[in-house]
PDB file of all heavy atoms in Angstrom:
ATOM      1  N   VAL A   1      93.136  90.735  94.889  1.00  0.00           N
ATOM      2  CA  VAL A   1      92.942  90.341  96.282  1.00  0.00           C
ATOM      3  C   VAL A   1      91.929  89.197  96.342  1.00  0.00           C
ATOM      4  O   VAL A   1      90.987  89.142  95.548  1.00  0.00           O
ATOM      5  CB  VAL A   1      92.471  91.507  97.164  1.00  0.00           C
ATOM      6  CG1 VAL A   1      93.525  92.591  97.224  1.00  0.00           C
ATOM      7  CG2 VAL A   1      91.153  92.075  96.671  1.00  0.00           C
ATOM      8  N   SER A   2      92.155  88.300  97.266  1.00  0.00           N
ATOM      9  CA  SER A   2      91.262  87.160  97.443  1.00  0.00           C
ATOM     10  C   SER A   2      90.166  87.514  98.446  1.00  0.00           C
ATOM     11  O   SER A   2      90.165  88.596  99.034  1.00  0.00           O
ATOM     12  CB  SER A   2      92.045  85.954  97.946  1.00  0.00           C
ATOM     13  OG  SER A   2      92.531  86.205  99.258  1.00  0.00           O
ATOM     14  N   GLU A   3      89.256  86.593  98.676  1.00  0.00           N
ATOM     15  CA  GLU A   3      88.193  86.805  99.658  1.00  0.00           C
ATOM     16  C   GLU A   3      88.761  87.049 101.049  1.00  0.00           C
ATOM     17  O   GLU A   3      88.178  87.763 101.853  1.00  0.00           O
ATOM     18  CB  GLU A   3      87.255  85.600  99.684  1.00  0.00           C
ATOM     19  CG  GLU A   3      86.434  85.409  98.414  1.00  0.00           C
ATOM     20  CD  GLU A   3      85.481  84.230  98.510  1.00  0.00           C
ATOM     21  OE1 GLU A   3      85.524  83.540  99.557  1.00  0.00           O
ATOM     22  OE2 GLU A   3      84.718  83.998  97.564  1.00  0.00           O
ATOM     23  N   SER A   4      89.936  86.462 101.325  1.00  0.00           N
ATOM     24  CA  SER A   4      90.558  86.612 102.642  1.00  0.00           C
ATOM     25  C   SER A   4      91.585  87.739 102.679  1.00  0.00           C
ATOM     26  O   SER A   4      92.398  87.815 103.595  1.00  0.00           O
ATOM     27  CB  SER A   4      91.223  85.296 103.050  1.00  0.00           C
ATOM     28  OG  SER A   4      92.145  84.879 102.066  1.00  0.00           O
ATOM     29  N   ALA A   5      91.565  88.611 101.641  1.00  0.00           N
ATOM     30  CA  ALA A   5      92.418  89.812 101.582  1.00  0.00           C
ATOM     31  C   ALA A   5      93.881  89.499 101.274  1.00  0.00           C
ATOM     32  O   ALA A   5      94.753  90.319 101.533  1.00  0.00           O
ATOM     33  CB  ALA A   5      92.310  90.631 102.861  1.00  0.00           C
ATOM     34  N   HIS A   6      94.172  88.325 100.713  1.00  0.00           N
ATOM     35  CA  HIS A   6      95.536  88.005 100.305  1.00  0.00           C
ATOM     36  C   HIS A   6      95.867  88.734  99.003  1.00  0.00           C
ATOM     37  O   HIS A   6      95.082  88.729  98.060  1.00  0.00           O
ATOM     38  CB  HIS A   6      95.707  86.503 100.118  1.00  0.00           C
ATOM     39  CG  HIS A   6      97.065  86.119  99.641  1.00  0.00           C
ATOM     40  ND1 HIS A   6      98.179  86.184 100.431  1.00  0.00           N
ATOM     41  CD2 HIS A   6      97.489  85.684  98.414  1.00  0.00           C
ATOM     42  CE1 HIS A   6      99.233  85.790  99.729  1.00  0.00           C
ATOM     43  NE2 HIS A   6      98.842  85.491  98.523  1.00  0.00           N
ATOM     44  N   ILE A   7      97.032  89.363  98.951  1.00  0.00           N
ATOM     45  CA  ILE A   7      97.462  90.161  97.802  1.00  0.00           C
ATOM     46  C   ILE A   7      98.352  89.333  96.890  1.00  0.00           C
ATOM     47  O   ILE A   7      99.303  88.700  97.347  1.00  0.00           O
ATOM     48  CB  ILE A   7      98.226  91.420  98.263  1.00  0.00           C
ATOM     49  CG1 ILE A   7      97.292  92.366  99.029  1.00  0.00           C
ATOM     50  CG2 ILE A   7      98.856  92.148  97.091  1.00  0.00           C
ATOM     51  CD1 ILE A   7      97.995  93.554  99.640  1.00  0.00           C
ATOM     52  N   SER A   8      98.084  89.354  95.572  1.00  0.00           N
ATOM     53  CA  SER A   8      98.953  88.722  94.581  1.00  0.00           C
ATOM     54  C   SER A   8      99.132  89.692  93.417  1.00  0.00           C
ATOM     55  O   SER A   8      98.154  90.166  92.838  1.00  0.00           O
ATOM     56  CB  SER A   8      98.356  87.395  94.087  1.00  0.00           C
ATOM     57  OG  SER A   8      97.073  87.582  93.543  1.00  0.00           O
ATOM     58  N   LEU A   9     100.391  90.004  93.091  1.00  0.00           N
ATOM     59  CA  LEU A   9     100.695  90.998  92.065  1.00  0.00           C
ATOM     60  C   LEU A   9     100.146  90.568  90.718  1.00  0.00           C
ATOM     61  O   LEU A   9     100.183  89.394  90.343  1.00  0.00           O
ATOM     62  CB  LEU A   9     102.209  91.214  91.963  1.00  0.00           C
ATOM     63  CG  LEU A   9     102.888  91.860  93.169  1.00  0.00           C
ATOM     64  CD1 LEU A   9     104.394  91.913  92.961  1.00  0.00           C
ATOM     65  CD2 LEU A   9     102.344  93.246  93.435  1.00  0.00           C
ATOM     66  N   THR A  10      99.653  91.544  89.947  1.00  0.00           N
ATOM     67  CA  THR A  10      99.201  91.268  88.591  1.00  0.00           C
ATOM     68  C   THR A  10     100.409  91.028  87.694  1.00  0.00           C
ATOM     69  O   THR A  10     101.542  91.361  88.039  1.00  0.00           O
ATOM     70  CB  THR A  10      98.385  92.445  88.043  1.00  0.00           C
ATOM     71  OG1 THR A  10      99.216  93.617  88.012  1.00  0.00           O
ATOM     72  CG2 THR A  10      97.162  92.717  88.896  1.00  0.00           C
ATOM     73  N   GLU A  11     100.171  90.452  86.534  1.00  0.00           N
ATOM     74  CA  GLU A  11     101.259  90.165  85.598  1.00  0.00           C
ATOM     75  C   GLU A  11     102.023  91.427  85.230  1.00  0.00           C
ATOM     76  O   GLU A  11     103.243  91.400  85.047  1.00  0.00           O
ATOM     77  CB  GLU A  11     100.686  89.511  84.338  1.00  0.00           C
ATOM     78  CG  GLU A  11     101.739  89.093  83.327  1.00  0.00           C
ATOM     79  CD  GLU A  11     101.142  88.393  82.119  1.00  0.00           C
ATOM     80  OE1 GLU A  11      99.918  88.124  82.136  1.00  0.00           O
ATOM     81  OE2 GLU A  11     101.885  88.121  81.166  1.00  0.00           O
ATOM     82  N   GLN A  12     101.341  92.559  85.147  1.00  0.00           N
ATOM     83  CA  GLN A  12     101.970  93.821  84.753  1.00  0.00           C
ATOM     84  C   GLN A  12     103.029  94.275  85.754  1.00  0.00           C
ATOM     85  O   GLN A  12     104.006  94.925  85.392  1.00  0.00           O
ATOM     86  CB  GLN A  12     100.897  94.900  84.598  1.00  0.00           C
ATOM     87  CG  GLN A  12     101.383  96.192  83.960  1.00  0.00           C
ATOM     88  CD  GLN A  12     100.258  97.194  83.782  1.00  0.00           C
ATOM     89  OE1 GLN A  12      99.348  97.283  84.602  1.00  0.00           O
ATOM     90  NE2 GLN A  12     100.300  97.955  82.709  1.00  0.00           N
ATOM     91  N   PHE A  13     102.865  93.904  87.041  1.00  0.00           N
ATOM     92  CA  PHE A  13     103.766  94.395  88.088  1.00  0.00           C
ATOM     93  C   PHE A  13     104.578  93.292  88.762  1.00  0.00           C
ATOM     94  O   PHE A  13     105.400  93.581  89.635  1.00  0.00           O
ATOM     95  CB  PHE A  13     102.957  95.149  89.141  1.00  0.00           C
ATOM     96  CG  PHE A  13     102.449  96.481  88.674  1.00  0.00           C
ATOM     97  CD1 PHE A  13     101.199  96.584  88.071  1.00  0.00           C
ATOM     98  CD2 PHE A  13     103.208  97.624  88.811  1.00  0.00           C
ATOM     99  CE1 PHE A  13     100.718  97.809  87.621  1.00  0.00           C
ATOM    100  CE2 PHE A  13     102.743  98.852  88.373  1.00  0.00           C
ATOM    101  CZ  PHE A  13     101.498  98.949  87.772  1.00  0.00           C
ATOM    102  N   ALA A  14     104.390  92.044  88.357  1.00  0.00           N
ATOM    103  CA  ALA A  14     105.003  90.919  89.065  1.00  0.00           C
ATOM    104  C   ALA A  14     106.526  90.908  88.995  1.00  0.00           C
ATOM    105  O   ALA A  14     107.182  90.338  89.866  1.00  0.00           O
ATOM    106  CB  ALA A  14     104.450  89.605  88.519  1.00  0.00           C
ATOM    107  N   SER A  15     107.117  91.542  87.986  1.00  0.00           N
ATOM    108  CA  SER A  15     108.571  91.463  87.808  1.00  0.00           C
ATOM    109  C   SER A  15     109.337  92.527  88.587  1.00  0.00           C
ATOM    110  O   SER A  15     110.566  92.489  88.635  1.00  0.00           O
ATOM    111  CB  SER A  15     108.916  91.600  86.319  1.00  0.00           C
ATOM    112  OG  SER A  15     108.533  92.875  85.820  1.00  0.00           O
ATOM    113  N   TYR A  16     108.645  93.471  89.212  1.00  0.00           N
ATOM    114  CA  TYR A  16     109.336  94.556  89.907  1.00  0.00           C
ATOM    115  C   TYR A  16     109.713  94.137  91.326  1.00  0.00           C
ATOM    116  O   TYR A  16     108.950  93.436  92.004  1.00  0.00           O
ATOM    117  CB  TYR A  16     108.470  95.812  89.940  1.00  0.00           C
ATOM    118  CG  TYR A  16     108.262  96.418  88.567  1.00  0.00           C
ATOM    119  CD1 TYR A  16     107.008  96.413  87.961  1.00  0.00           C
ATOM    120  CD2 TYR A  16     109.319  96.980  87.869  1.00  0.00           C
ATOM    121  CE1 TYR A  16     106.817  96.958  86.703  1.00  0.00           C
ATOM    122  CE2 TYR A  16     109.142  97.527  86.614  1.00  0.00           C
ATOM    123  CZ  TYR A  16     107.886  97.513  86.024  1.00  0.00           C
ATOM    124  OH  TYR A  16     107.713  98.046  84.772  1.00  0.00           O
ATOM    125  N   PRO A  17     110.886  94.576  91.821  1.00  0.00           N
ATOM    126  CA  PRO A  17     111.371  94.155  93.152  1.00  0.00           C
ATOM    127  C   PRO A  17     110.724  94.957  94.275  1.00  0.00           C
ATOM    128  O   PRO A  17     111.363  95.802  94.914  1.00  0.00           O
ATOM    129  CB  PRO A  17     112.879  94.429  93.059  1.00  0.00           C
ATOM    130  CG  PRO A  17     112.973  95.614  92.133  1.00  0.00           C
ATOM    131  CD  PRO A  17     111.868  95.433  91.119  1.00  0.00           C
ATOM    132  N   ILE A  18     109.457  94.700  94.554  1.00  0.00           N
ATOM    133  CA  ILE A  18     108.715  95.490  95.535  1.00  0.00           C
ATOM    134  C   ILE A  18     108.150  94.598  96.634  1.00  0.00           C
ATOM    135  O   ILE A  18     107.935  93.414  96.434  1.00  0.00           O
ATOM    136  CB  ILE A  18     107.558  96.278  94.877  1.00  0.00           C
ATOM    137  CG1 ILE A  18     106.620  95.322  94.126  1.00  0.00           C
ATOM    138  CG2 ILE A  18     108.106  97.344  93.945  1.00  0.00           C
ATOM    139  CD1 ILE A  18     105.394  95.974  93.544  1.00  0.00           C
ATOM    140  N   GLU A  19     107.924  95.196  97.804  1.00  0.00           N
ATOM    141  CA  GLU A  19     107.299  94.514  98.933  1.00  0.00           C
ATOM    142  C   GLU A  19     105.858  95.000  99.086  1.00  0.00           C
ATOM    143  O   GLU A  19     105.585  96.195  98.966  1.00  0.00           O
ATOM    144  CB  GLU A  19     108.052  94.805 100.226  1.00  0.00           C
ATOM    145  CG  GLU A  19     109.414  94.167 100.320  1.00  0.00           C
ATOM    146  CD  GLU A  19     110.055  94.438 101.668  1.00  0.00           C
ATOM    147  OE1 GLU A  19     110.596  95.531 101.856  1.00  0.00           O
ATOM    148  OE2 GLU A  19     110.008  93.543 102.536  1.00  0.00           O
ATOM    149  N   THR A  20     104.939  94.077  99.398  1.00  0.00           N
ATOM    150  CA  THR A  20     103.549  94.457  99.651  1.00  0.00           C
ATOM    151  C   THR A  20     103.048  93.916 100.983  1.00  0.00           C
ATOM    152  O   THR A  20     101.895  94.139 101.336  1.00  0.00           O
ATOM    153  CB  THR A  20     102.623  93.936  98.529  1.00  0.00           C
ATOM    154  OG1 THR A  20     102.734  92.514  98.447  1.00  0.00           O
ATOM    155  CG2 THR A  20     102.994  94.556  97.195  1.00  0.00           C
ATOM    156  N   GLU A  21     103.890  93.209 101.723  1.00  0.00           N
ATOM    157  CA  GLU A  21     103.473  92.597 102.981  1.00  0.00           C
ATOM    158  C   GLU A  21     103.951  93.434 104.164  1.00  0.00           C
ATOM    159  O   GLU A  21     105.077  93.937 104.180  1.00  0.00           O
ATOM    160  CB  GLU A  21     104.042  91.180 103.103  1.00  0.00           C
ATOM    161  CG  GLU A  21     103.574  90.218 102.026  1.00  0.00           C
ATOM    162  CD  GLU A  21     102.125  89.797 102.203  1.00  0.00           C
ATOM    163  OE1 GLU A  21     101.590  90.007 103.313  1.00  0.00           O
ATOM    164  OE2 GLU A  21     101.541  89.282 101.248  1.00  0.00           O
ATOM    165  N   GLY A  22     103.085  93.590 105.166  1.00  0.00           N
ATOM    166  CA  GLY A  22     103.478  94.216 106.428  1.00  0.00           C
ATOM    167  C   GLY A  22     103.839  95.679 106.332  1.00  0.00           C
ATOM    168  O   GLY A  22     104.647  96.178 107.131  1.00  0.00           O
ATOM    169  N   LEU A  23     103.282  96.419 105.365  1.00  0.00           N
ATOM    170  CA  LEU A  23     103.631  97.825 105.188  1.00  0.00           C
ATOM    171  C   LEU A  23     102.772  98.716 106.090  1.00  0.00           C
ATOM    172  O   LEU A  23     101.569  98.501 106.234  1.00  0.00           O
ATOM    173  CB  LEU A  23     103.435  98.242 103.735  1.00  0.00           C
ATOM    174  CG  LEU A  23     104.255  97.488 102.682  1.00  0.00           C
ATOM    175  CD1 LEU A  23     103.999  98.070 101.300  1.00  0.00           C
ATOM    176  CD2 LEU A  23     105.738  97.537 103.003  1.00  0.00           C
ATOM    177  N   ASP A  24     103.403  99.743 106.669  1.00  0.00           N
ATOM    178  CA  ASP A  24     102.655 100.767 107.384  1.00  0.00           C
ATOM    179  C   ASP A  24     102.347 101.905 106.416  1.00  0.00           C
ATOM    180  O   ASP A  24     102.605 101.796 105.210  1.00  0.00           O
ATOM    181  CB  ASP A  24     103.443 101.271 108.597  1.00  0.00           C
ATOM    182  CG  ASP A  24     104.829 101.788 108.227  1.00  0.00           C
ATOM    183  OD1 ASP A  24     105.083 102.014 107.015  1.00  0.00           O
ATOM    184  OD2 ASP A  24     105.651 101.968 109.144  1.00  0.00           O
ATOM    185  N   GLN A  25     101.793 102.997 106.918  1.00  0.00           N
ATOM    186  CA  GLN A  25     101.409 104.096 106.039  1.00  0.00           C
ATOM    187  C   GLN A  25     102.596 104.636 105.254  1.00  0.00           C
ATOM    188  O   GLN A  25     102.515 104.887 104.054  1.00  0.00           O
ATOM    189  CB  GLN A  25     100.763 105.220 106.852  1.00  0.00           C
ATOM    190  CG  GLN A  25     100.259 106.381 105.990  1.00  0.00           C
ATOM    191  CD  GLN A  25      99.547 107.450 106.810  1.00  0.00           C
ATOM    192  OE1 GLN A  25      99.405 107.324 108.017  1.00  0.00           O
ATOM    193  NE2 GLN A  25      99.114 108.496 106.154  1.00  0.00           N
ATOM    194  N   LYS A  26     103.739 104.775 105.931  1.00  0.00           N
ATOM    195  CA  LYS A  26     104.942 105.251 105.259  1.00  0.00           C
ATOM    196  C   LYS A  26     105.379 104.261 104.182  1.00  0.00           C
ATOM    197  O   LYS A  26     105.805 104.651 103.087  1.00  0.00           O
ATOM    198  CB  LYS A  26     106.061 105.457 106.282  1.00  0.00           C
ATOM    199  CG  LYS A  26     107.375 105.984 105.701  1.00  0.00           C
ATOM    200  CD  LYS A  26     108.342 106.284 106.835  1.00  0.00           C
ATOM    201  CE  LYS A  26     109.653 106.838 106.288  1.00  0.00           C
ATOM    202  NZ  LYS A  26     110.470 105.806 105.633  1.00  0.00           N
ATOM    203  N   GLY A  27     105.254 102.959 104.482  1.00  0.00           N
ATOM    204  CA  GLY A  27     105.642 101.943 103.509  1.00  0.00           C
ATOM    205  C   GLY A  27     104.789 101.989 102.254  1.00  0.00           C
ATOM    206  O   GLY A  27     105.293 101.835 101.134  1.00  0.00           O
ATOM    207  N   TRP A  28     103.465 102.213 102.413  1.00  0.00           N
ATOM    208  CA  TRP A  28     102.589 102.327 101.243  1.00  0.00           C
ATOM    209  C   TRP A  28     102.926 103.569 100.421  1.00  0.00           C
ATOM    210  O   TRP A  28     102.891 103.535  99.181  1.00  0.00           O
ATOM    211  CB  TRP A  28     101.124 102.382 101.687  1.00  0.00           C
ATOM    212  CG  TRP A  28     100.591 101.077 102.181  1.00  0.00           C
ATOM    213  CD1 TRP A  28     100.158 100.793 103.434  1.00  0.00           C
ATOM    214  CD2 TRP A  28     100.447  99.864 101.434  1.00  0.00           C
ATOM    215  NE1 TRP A  28      99.751  99.484 103.523  1.00  0.00           N
ATOM    216  CE2 TRP A  28      99.915  98.883 102.306  1.00  0.00           C
ATOM    217  CE3 TRP A  28     100.714  99.508 100.119  1.00  0.00           C
ATOM    218  CZ2 TRP A  28      99.640  97.582 101.903  1.00  0.00           C
ATOM    219  CZ3 TRP A  28     100.447  98.198  99.710  1.00  0.00           C
ATOM    220  CH2 TRP A  28      99.916  97.255 100.604  1.00  0.00           C
TER     221      TRP A  28
END
């Protein structure tokens, strides 16, 4: 995460087809 809370996947997880933007509690 950046200072402004921007999320960027680590190399270990970057290849998986997942969403991390706009998730609610159920989405997480």
